[in-house]
Amino acid sequence: MSKSLVVLILLLGLAGCSVLPSAEPVSRYRLPPATLTAAGQDVLFDGLRLARPQATGVLNGNRLLVLTEHQSYQAYGGARWSASLPQLWQDWLLDALGRDGRIGGLSREDEGIHGEWELAGTLRAFELDLSAGRAEVVIRFDARLLRAADRRIVAARRFEQREAPHGLSADAVVMAHGRAASRLAQELATWLLAAGEAGGP
């Protein structure tokens, strides 16, 4: 048997084998839809453009984060959010405020649609927090309402919600994020209406 044929047989035999571990399957989660529903009121606030929130470090990624008691970040190995956290939060808020029904003319900043107002902000936390010795999902968002024409900040406020998950599985933690986010969005919508009225012409 020729040397070339021996090499070919060896290569064919190794083609179906690998010394590397098989890749762990990854579940990609969306943030559960907001539980806000239209209150049957007319639109009270019109023309709001949502900017993608700022974020730093691991909050720019799409990992399902855990803040440990040592103030270090870990992440669920087989779980990811369906988009980066800033994009996930922007898209989810757009849907949540639309479900509320009191704010009209909603758009993203990258759509090029003119709006009288802009909601910008910084995502400060979006994680399962174990640092205090108990398990709580925490979402922290520093919101800024700007008048689009002159970029003047009309109002600013920090929003934070915490929610204990029903277990520590990725599924349970994602559902806890959804409950916390819905409460935060309800507070945010009410604040936007009041801030827009106070800062209006």
C-alpha atoms as a PDB file:
ATOM      1  CA  MET A   1       0.000   0.000   0.000  1.00  0.00           C
ATOM      2  CA  SER A   2       1.405   3.372  -0.956  1.00  0.00           C
ATOM      3  CA  LYS A   3       2.241   5.997   1.652  1.00  0.00           C
ATOM      4  CA  SER A   4      -0.221   8.418   0.064  1.00  0.00           C
ATOM      5  CA  LEU A   5      -3.066   5.924   0.397  1.00  0.00           C
ATOM      6  CA  VAL A   6      -2.265   5.294   4.071  1.00  0.00           C
ATOM      7  CA  VAL A   7      -2.369   9.047   4.787  1.00  0.00           C
ATOM      8  CA  LEU A   8      -5.710   9.365   2.974  1.00  0.00           C
ATOM      9  CA  ILE A   9      -7.232   6.516   4.994  1.00  0.00           C
ATOM     10  CA  LEU A  10      -6.055   8.110   8.255  1.00  0.00           C
ATOM     11  CA  LEU A  11      -7.533  11.474   7.279  1.00  0.00           C
ATOM     12  CA  LEU A  12     -10.877   9.908   6.378  1.00  0.00           C
ATOM     13  CA  GLY A  13     -10.943   8.068   9.685  1.00  0.00           C
ATOM     14  CA  LEU A  14     -10.328  11.231  11.679  1.00  0.00           C
ATOM     15  CA  ALA A  15     -12.913  13.266   9.776  1.00  0.00           C
ATOM     16  CA  GLY A  16     -15.752  12.056  11.977  1.00  0.00           C
ATOM     17  CA  CYS A  17     -13.823  12.337  15.240  1.00  0.00           C
ATOM     18  CA  SER A  18     -12.746  15.290  17.335  1.00  0.00           C
ATOM     19  CA  VAL A  19     -10.800  15.694  20.524  1.00  0.00           C
ATOM     20  CA  LEU A  20     -12.708  18.949  21.157  1.00  0.00           C
ATOM     21  CA  PRO A  21     -15.832  18.831  23.364  1.00  0.00           C
ATOM     22  CA  SER A  22     -19.119  19.293  21.555  1.00  0.00           C
ATOM     23  CA  ALA A  23     -20.465  22.820  21.710  1.00  0.00           C
ATOM     24  CA  GLU A  24     -22.967  23.446  24.498  1.00  0.00           C
ATOM     25  CA  PRO A  25     -26.406  24.266  23.089  1.00  0.00           C
ATOM     26  CA  VAL A  26     -27.299  27.893  23.689  1.00  0.00           C
ATOM     27  CA  SER A  27     -30.818  29.179  24.371  1.00  0.00           C
ATOM     28  CA  ARG A  28     -31.474  32.704  23.126  1.00  0.00           C
ATOM     29  CA  TYR A  29     -34.063  34.561  25.169  1.00  0.00           C
ATOM     30  CA  ARG A  30     -36.176  37.569  24.411  1.00  0.00           C
ATOM     31  CA  LEU A  31     -37.349  39.777  27.254  1.00  0.00           C
ATOM     32  CA  PRO A  32     -40.963  38.718  27.963  1.00  0.00           C
ATOM     33  CA  PRO A  33     -43.520  41.181  26.549  1.00  0.00           C
ATOM     34  CA  ALA A  34     -44.636  43.951  28.872  1.00  0.00           C
ATOM     35  CA  THR A  35     -47.809  43.427  30.864  1.00  0.00           C
ATOM     36  CA  LEU A  36     -48.848  47.045  30.298  1.00  0.00           C
ATOM     37  CA  THR A  37     -52.192  47.459  28.565  1.00  0.00           C
ATOM     38  CA  ALA A  38     -53.883  50.499  27.091  1.00  0.00           C
ATOM     39  CA  ALA A  39     -56.055  52.243  29.653  1.00  0.00           C
ATOM     40  CA  GLY A  40     -58.551  53.394  27.051  1.00  0.00           C
ATOM     41  CA  GLN A  41     -57.272  56.954  27.225  1.00  0.00           C
ATOM     42  CA  ASP A  42     -56.474  59.208  24.318  1.00  0.00           C
ATOM     43  CA  VAL A  43     -52.844  59.807  23.403  1.00  0.00           C
ATOM     44  CA  LEU A  44     -51.543  62.362  25.896  1.00  0.00           C
ATOM     45  CA  PHE A  45     -47.962  62.647  24.679  1.00  0.00           C
ATOM     46  CA  ASP A  46     -46.993  62.516  21.009  1.00  0.00           C
ATOM     47  CA  GLY A  47     -43.766  62.308  19.038  1.00  0.00           C
ATOM     48  CA  LEU A  48     -41.288  60.362  21.196  1.00  0.00           C
ATOM     49  CA  ARG A  49     -38.069  59.027  19.698  1.00  0.00           C
ATOM     50  CA  LEU A  50     -36.163  56.360  21.641  1.00  0.00           C
ATOM     51  CA  ALA A  51     -32.377  56.482  21.558  1.00  0.00           C
ATOM     52  CA  ARG A  52     -30.420  53.313  22.154  1.00  0.00           C
ATOM     53  CA  PRO A  53     -29.275  53.518  25.784  1.00  0.00           C
ATOM     54  CA  GLN A  54     -25.637  53.823  26.660  1.00  0.00           C
ATOM     55  CA  ALA A  55     -23.939  50.991  28.534  1.00  0.00           C
ATOM     56  CA  THR A  56     -20.416  49.998  29.468  1.00  0.00           C
ATOM     57  CA  GLY A  57     -18.469  46.781  29.837  1.00  0.00           C
ATOM     58  CA  VAL A  58     -20.434  43.553  30.104  1.00  0.00           C
ATOM     59  CA  LEU A  59     -23.713  45.468  29.810  1.00  0.00           C
ATOM     60  CA  ASN A  60     -22.909  45.980  26.136  1.00  0.00           C
ATOM     61  CA  GLY A  61     -23.058  42.236  25.511  1.00  0.00           C
ATOM     62  CA  ASN A  62     -25.881  39.715  25.340  1.00  0.00           C
ATOM     63  CA  ARG A  63     -25.017  37.449  28.285  1.00  0.00           C
ATOM     64  CA  LEU A  64     -27.467  36.582  31.051  1.00  0.00           C
ATOM     65  CA  LEU A  65     -25.457  38.200  33.820  1.00  0.00           C
ATOM     66  CA  VAL A  66     -24.985  37.326  37.478  1.00  0.00           C
ATOM     67  CA  LEU A  67     -23.413  39.760  39.964  1.00  0.00           C
ATOM     68  CA  THR A  68     -21.744  37.705  42.693  1.00  0.00           C
ATOM     69  CA  GLU A  69     -21.187  38.536  46.349  1.00  0.00           C
ATOM     70  CA  HIS A  70     -17.603  39.422  45.416  1.00  0.00           C
ATOM     71  CA  GLN A  71     -18.856  42.131  43.015  1.00  0.00           C
ATOM     72  CA  SER A  72     -17.664  40.171  39.993  1.00  0.00           C
ATOM     73  CA  TYR A  73     -19.770  39.303  36.976  1.00  0.00           C
ATOM     74  CA  GLN A  74     -20.464  35.734  35.929  1.00  0.00           C
ATOM     75  CA  ALA A  75     -22.869  34.567  33.235  1.00  0.00           C
ATOM     76  CA  TYR A  76     -25.141  31.627  32.508  1.00  0.00           C
ATOM     77  CA  GLY A  77     -23.191  29.344  30.195  1.00  0.00           C
ATOM     78  CA  GLY A  78     -26.004  28.097  27.970  1.00  0.00           C
ATOM     79  CA  ALA A  79     -28.112  31.244  27.797  1.00  0.00           C
ATOM     80  CA  ARG A  80     -27.958  34.462  25.824  1.00  0.00           C
ATOM     81  CA  TRP A  81     -30.309  37.341  25.247  1.00  0.00           C
ATOM     82  CA  SER A  82     -31.525  37.605  21.658  1.00  0.00           C
ATOM     83  CA  ALA A  83     -29.696  40.922  21.171  1.00  0.00           C
ATOM     84  CA  SER A  84     -27.173  43.104  22.961  1.00  0.00           C
ATOM     85  CA  LEU A  85     -28.623  44.542  26.162  1.00  0.00           C
ATOM     86  CA  PRO A  86     -28.852  48.153  24.861  1.00  0.00           C
ATOM     87  CA  GLN A  87     -30.684  47.005  21.722  1.00  0.00           C
ATOM     88  CA  LEU A  88     -32.862  44.584  23.680  1.00  0.00           C
ATOM     89  CA  TRP A  89     -33.886  47.343  26.109  1.00  0.00           C
ATOM     90  CA  GLN A  90     -34.563  49.895  23.365  1.00  0.00           C
ATOM     91  CA  ASP A  91     -36.734  47.503  21.352  1.00  0.00           C
ATOM     92  CA  TRP A  92     -38.562  46.257  24.419  1.00  0.00           C
ATOM     93  CA  LEU A  93     -39.316  49.780  25.689  1.00  0.00           C
ATOM     94  CA  LEU A  94     -40.663  50.771  22.285  1.00  0.00           C
ATOM     95  CA  ASP A  95     -43.132  47.901  22.465  1.00  0.00           C
ATOM     96  CA  ALA A  96     -43.958  48.481  26.145  1.00  0.00           C
ATOM     97  CA  LEU A  97     -44.747  52.182  25.700  1.00  0.00           C
ATOM     98  CA  GLY A  98     -46.847  51.324  22.672  1.00  0.00           C
ATOM     99  CA  ARG A  99     -48.845  48.850  24.754  1.00  0.00           C
ATOM    100  CA  ASP A 100     -49.435  51.545  27.391  1.00  0.00           C
ATOM    101  CA  GLY A 101     -51.241  53.590  24.763  1.00  0.00           C
ATOM    102  CA  ARG A 102     -50.798  57.043  26.267  1.00  0.00           C
ATOM    103  CA  ILE A 103     -47.706  57.910  24.224  1.00  0.00           C
ATOM    104  CA  GLY A 104     -47.961  58.178  20.449  1.00  0.00           C
ATOM    105  CA  GLY A 105     -45.609  58.739  17.542  1.00  0.00           C
ATOM    106  CA  LEU A 106     -43.042  56.283  18.881  1.00  0.00           C
ATOM    107  CA  SER A 107     -39.910  55.633  16.847  1.00  0.00           C
ATOM    108  CA  ARG A 108     -36.231  54.715  17.121  1.00  0.00           C
ATOM    109  CA  GLU A 109     -33.568  57.347  16.644  1.00  0.00           C
ATOM    110  CA  ASP A 110     -32.026  55.409  13.747  1.00  0.00           C
ATOM    111  CA  GLU A 111     -35.267  55.486  11.753  1.00  0.00           C
ATOM    112  CA  GLY A 112     -34.773  59.148  10.889  1.00  0.00           C
ATOM    113  CA  ILE A 113     -38.311  60.074  11.931  1.00  0.00           C
ATOM    114  CA  HIS A 114     -38.737  63.529  13.419  1.00  0.00           C
ATOM    115  CA  GLY A 115     -40.075  63.612  16.940  1.00  0.00           C
ATOM    116  CA  GLU A 116     -40.589  66.467  19.337  1.00  0.00           C
ATOM    117  CA  TRP A 117     -39.096  64.505  22.224  1.00  0.00           C
ATOM    118  CA  GLU A 118     -36.296  62.015  22.720  1.00  0.00           C
ATOM    119  CA  LEU A 119     -35.847  59.470  25.479  1.00  0.00           C
ATOM    120  CA  ALA A 120     -32.171  58.756  26.080  1.00  0.00           C
ATOM    121  CA  GLY A 121     -30.429  57.167  29.020  1.00  0.00           C
ATOM    122  CA  THR A 122     -27.900  54.767  30.452  1.00  0.00           C
ATOM    123  CA  LEU A 123     -28.489  51.144  31.355  1.00  0.00           C
ATOM    124  CA  ARG A 124     -26.738  50.727  34.714  1.00  0.00           C
ATOM    125  CA  ALA A 125     -27.814  47.211  35.699  1.00  0.00           C
ATOM    126  CA  PHE A 126     -29.565  44.296  34.015  1.00  0.00           C
ATOM    127  CA  GLU A 127     -28.657  41.195  35.969  1.00  0.00           C
ATOM    128  CA  LEU A 128     -29.323  38.638  38.652  1.00  0.00           C
ATOM    129  CA  ASP A 129     -27.862  40.204  41.799  1.00  0.00           C
ATOM    130  CA  LEU A 130     -26.500  37.822  44.442  1.00  0.00           C
ATOM    131  CA  SER A 131     -24.258  40.394  46.101  1.00  0.00           C
ATOM    132  CA  ALA A 132     -26.441  40.925  49.175  1.00  0.00           C
ATOM    133  CA  GLY A 133     -26.817  37.236  49.941  1.00  0.00           C
ATOM    134  CA  ARG A 134     -30.206  36.887  48.244  1.00  0.00           C
ATOM    135  CA  ALA A 135     -31.223  36.411  44.635  1.00  0.00           C
ATOM    136  CA  GLU A 136     -32.869  39.405  42.980  1.00  0.00           C
ATOM    137  CA  VAL A 137     -33.079  40.499  39.392  1.00  0.00           C
ATOM    138  CA  VAL A 138     -32.240  44.191  39.170  1.00  0.00           C
ATOM    139  CA  ILE A 139     -32.844  46.593  36.299  1.00  0.00           C
ATOM    140  CA  ARG A 140     -31.501  50.115  36.706  1.00  0.00           C
ATOM    141  CA  PHE A 141     -32.012  52.747  34.020  1.00  0.00           C
ATOM    142  CA  ASP A 142     -31.003  56.417  34.170  1.00  0.00           C
ATOM    143  CA  ALA A 143     -33.529  58.125  31.894  1.00  0.00           C
ATOM    144  CA  ARG A 144     -33.267  61.544  30.261  1.00  0.00           C
ATOM    145  CA  LEU A 145     -36.053  63.292  28.393  1.00  0.00           C
ATOM    146  CA  LEU A 146     -34.782  65.772  25.800  1.00  0.00           C
ATOM    147  CA  ARG A 147     -36.484  68.286  23.577  1.00  0.00           C
ATOM    148  CA  ALA A 148     -35.309  67.145  20.154  1.00  0.00           C
ATOM    149  CA  ALA A 149     -35.101  70.609  18.582  1.00  0.00           C
ATOM    150  CA  ASP A 150     -32.431  71.997  20.908  1.00  0.00           C
ATOM    151  CA  ARG A 151     -31.230  68.823  22.700  1.00  0.00           C
ATOM    152  CA  ARG A 152     -32.137  70.388  26.024  1.00  0.00           C
ATOM    153  CA  ILE A 153     -32.669  67.954  28.886  1.00  0.00           C
ATOM    154  CA  VAL A 154     -36.153  68.570  30.214  1.00  0.00           C
ATOM    155  CA  ALA A 155     -36.088  65.950  32.972  1.00  0.00           C
ATOM    156  CA  ALA A 156     -33.895  63.147  34.276  1.00  0.00           C
ATOM    157  CA  ARG A 157     -34.543  60.344  36.728  1.00  0.00           C
ATOM    158  CA  ARG A 158     -33.123  56.996  37.834  1.00  0.00           C
ATOM    159  CA  PHE A 159     -35.513  54.047  37.662  1.00  0.00           C
ATOM    160  CA  GLU A 160     -34.829  50.777  39.450  1.00  0.00           C
ATOM    161  CA  GLN A 161     -36.856  47.639  39.943  1.00  0.00           C
ATOM    162  CA  ARG A 162     -35.983  44.405  41.728  1.00  0.00           C
ATOM    163  CA  GLU A 163     -37.708  41.052  41.476  1.00  0.00           C
ATOM    164  CA  ALA A 164     -36.979  37.736  43.175  1.00  0.00           C
ATOM    165  CA  PRO A 165     -36.939  34.887  40.638  1.00  0.00           C
ATOM    166  CA  HIS A 166     -38.908  31.689  41.234  1.00  0.00           C
ATOM    167  CA  GLY A 167     -35.734  29.616  41.133  1.00  0.00           C
ATOM    168  CA  LEU A 168     -32.286  30.058  39.652  1.00  0.00           C
ATOM    169  CA  SER A 169     -32.770  28.413  36.264  1.00  0.00           C
ATOM    170  CA  ALA A 170     -32.220  30.630  33.240  1.00  0.00           C
ATOM    171  CA  ASP A 171     -35.949  30.392  32.430  1.00  0.00           C
ATOM    172  CA  ALA A 172     -36.933  31.616  35.904  1.00  0.00           C
ATOM    173  CA  VAL A 173     -34.414  34.453  35.843  1.00  0.00           C
ATOM    174  CA  VAL A 174     -35.596  35.633  32.418  1.00  0.00           C
ATOM    175  CA  MET A 175     -39.222  35.696  33.615  1.00  0.00           C
ATOM    176  CA  ALA A 176     -38.160  37.738  36.658  1.00  0.00           C
ATOM    177  CA  HIS A 177     -36.481  40.227  34.309  1.00  0.00           C
ATOM    178  CA  GLY A 178     -39.809  40.529  32.505  1.00  0.00           C
ATOM    179  CA  ARG A 179     -41.767  41.291  35.671  1.00  0.00           C
ATOM    180  CA  ALA A 180     -39.237  43.876  36.838  1.00  0.00           C
ATOM    181  CA  ALA A 181     -39.128  45.491  33.398  1.00  0.00           C
ATOM    182  CA  SER A 182     -42.927  45.799  33.224  1.00  0.00           C
ATOM    183  CA  ARG A 183     -43.087  47.649  36.536  1.00  0.00           C
ATOM    184  CA  LEU A 184     -40.249  49.919  35.482  1.00  0.00           C
ATOM    185  CA  ALA A 185     -41.950  50.702  32.168  1.00  0.00           C
ATOM    186  CA  GLN A 186     -45.176  51.616  33.967  1.00  0.00           C
ATOM    187  CA  GLU A 187     -43.292  54.094  36.153  1.00  0.00           C
ATOM    188  CA  LEU A 188     -41.378  55.404  33.154  1.00  0.00           C
ATOM    189  CA  ALA A 189     -44.527  56.038  31.104  1.00  0.00           C
ATOM    190  CA  THR A 190     -46.192  57.967  33.933  1.00  0.00           C
ATOM    191  CA  TRP A 191     -43.028  60.013  34.457  1.00  0.00           C
ATOM    192  CA  LEU A 192     -42.725  60.812  30.748  1.00  0.00           C
ATOM    193  CA  LEU A 193     -46.272  62.151  30.653  1.00  0.00           C
ATOM    194  CA  ALA A 194     -45.687  64.388  33.671  1.00  0.00           C
ATOM    195  CA  ALA A 195     -42.258  65.551  32.481  1.00  0.00           C
ATOM    196  CA  GLY A 196     -43.502  66.278  28.973  1.00  0.00           C
ATOM    197  CA  GLU A 197     -46.401  68.325  30.282  1.00  0.00           C
ATOM    198  CA  ALA A 198     -44.132  70.301  32.609  1.00  0.00           C
ATOM    199  CA  GLY A 199     -41.532  70.884  29.891  1.00  0.00           C
ATOM    200  CA  GLY A 200     -43.948  71.647  27.092  1.00  0.00           C
ATOM    201  CA  PRO A 201     -44.463  75.024  25.472  1.00  0.00           C
END
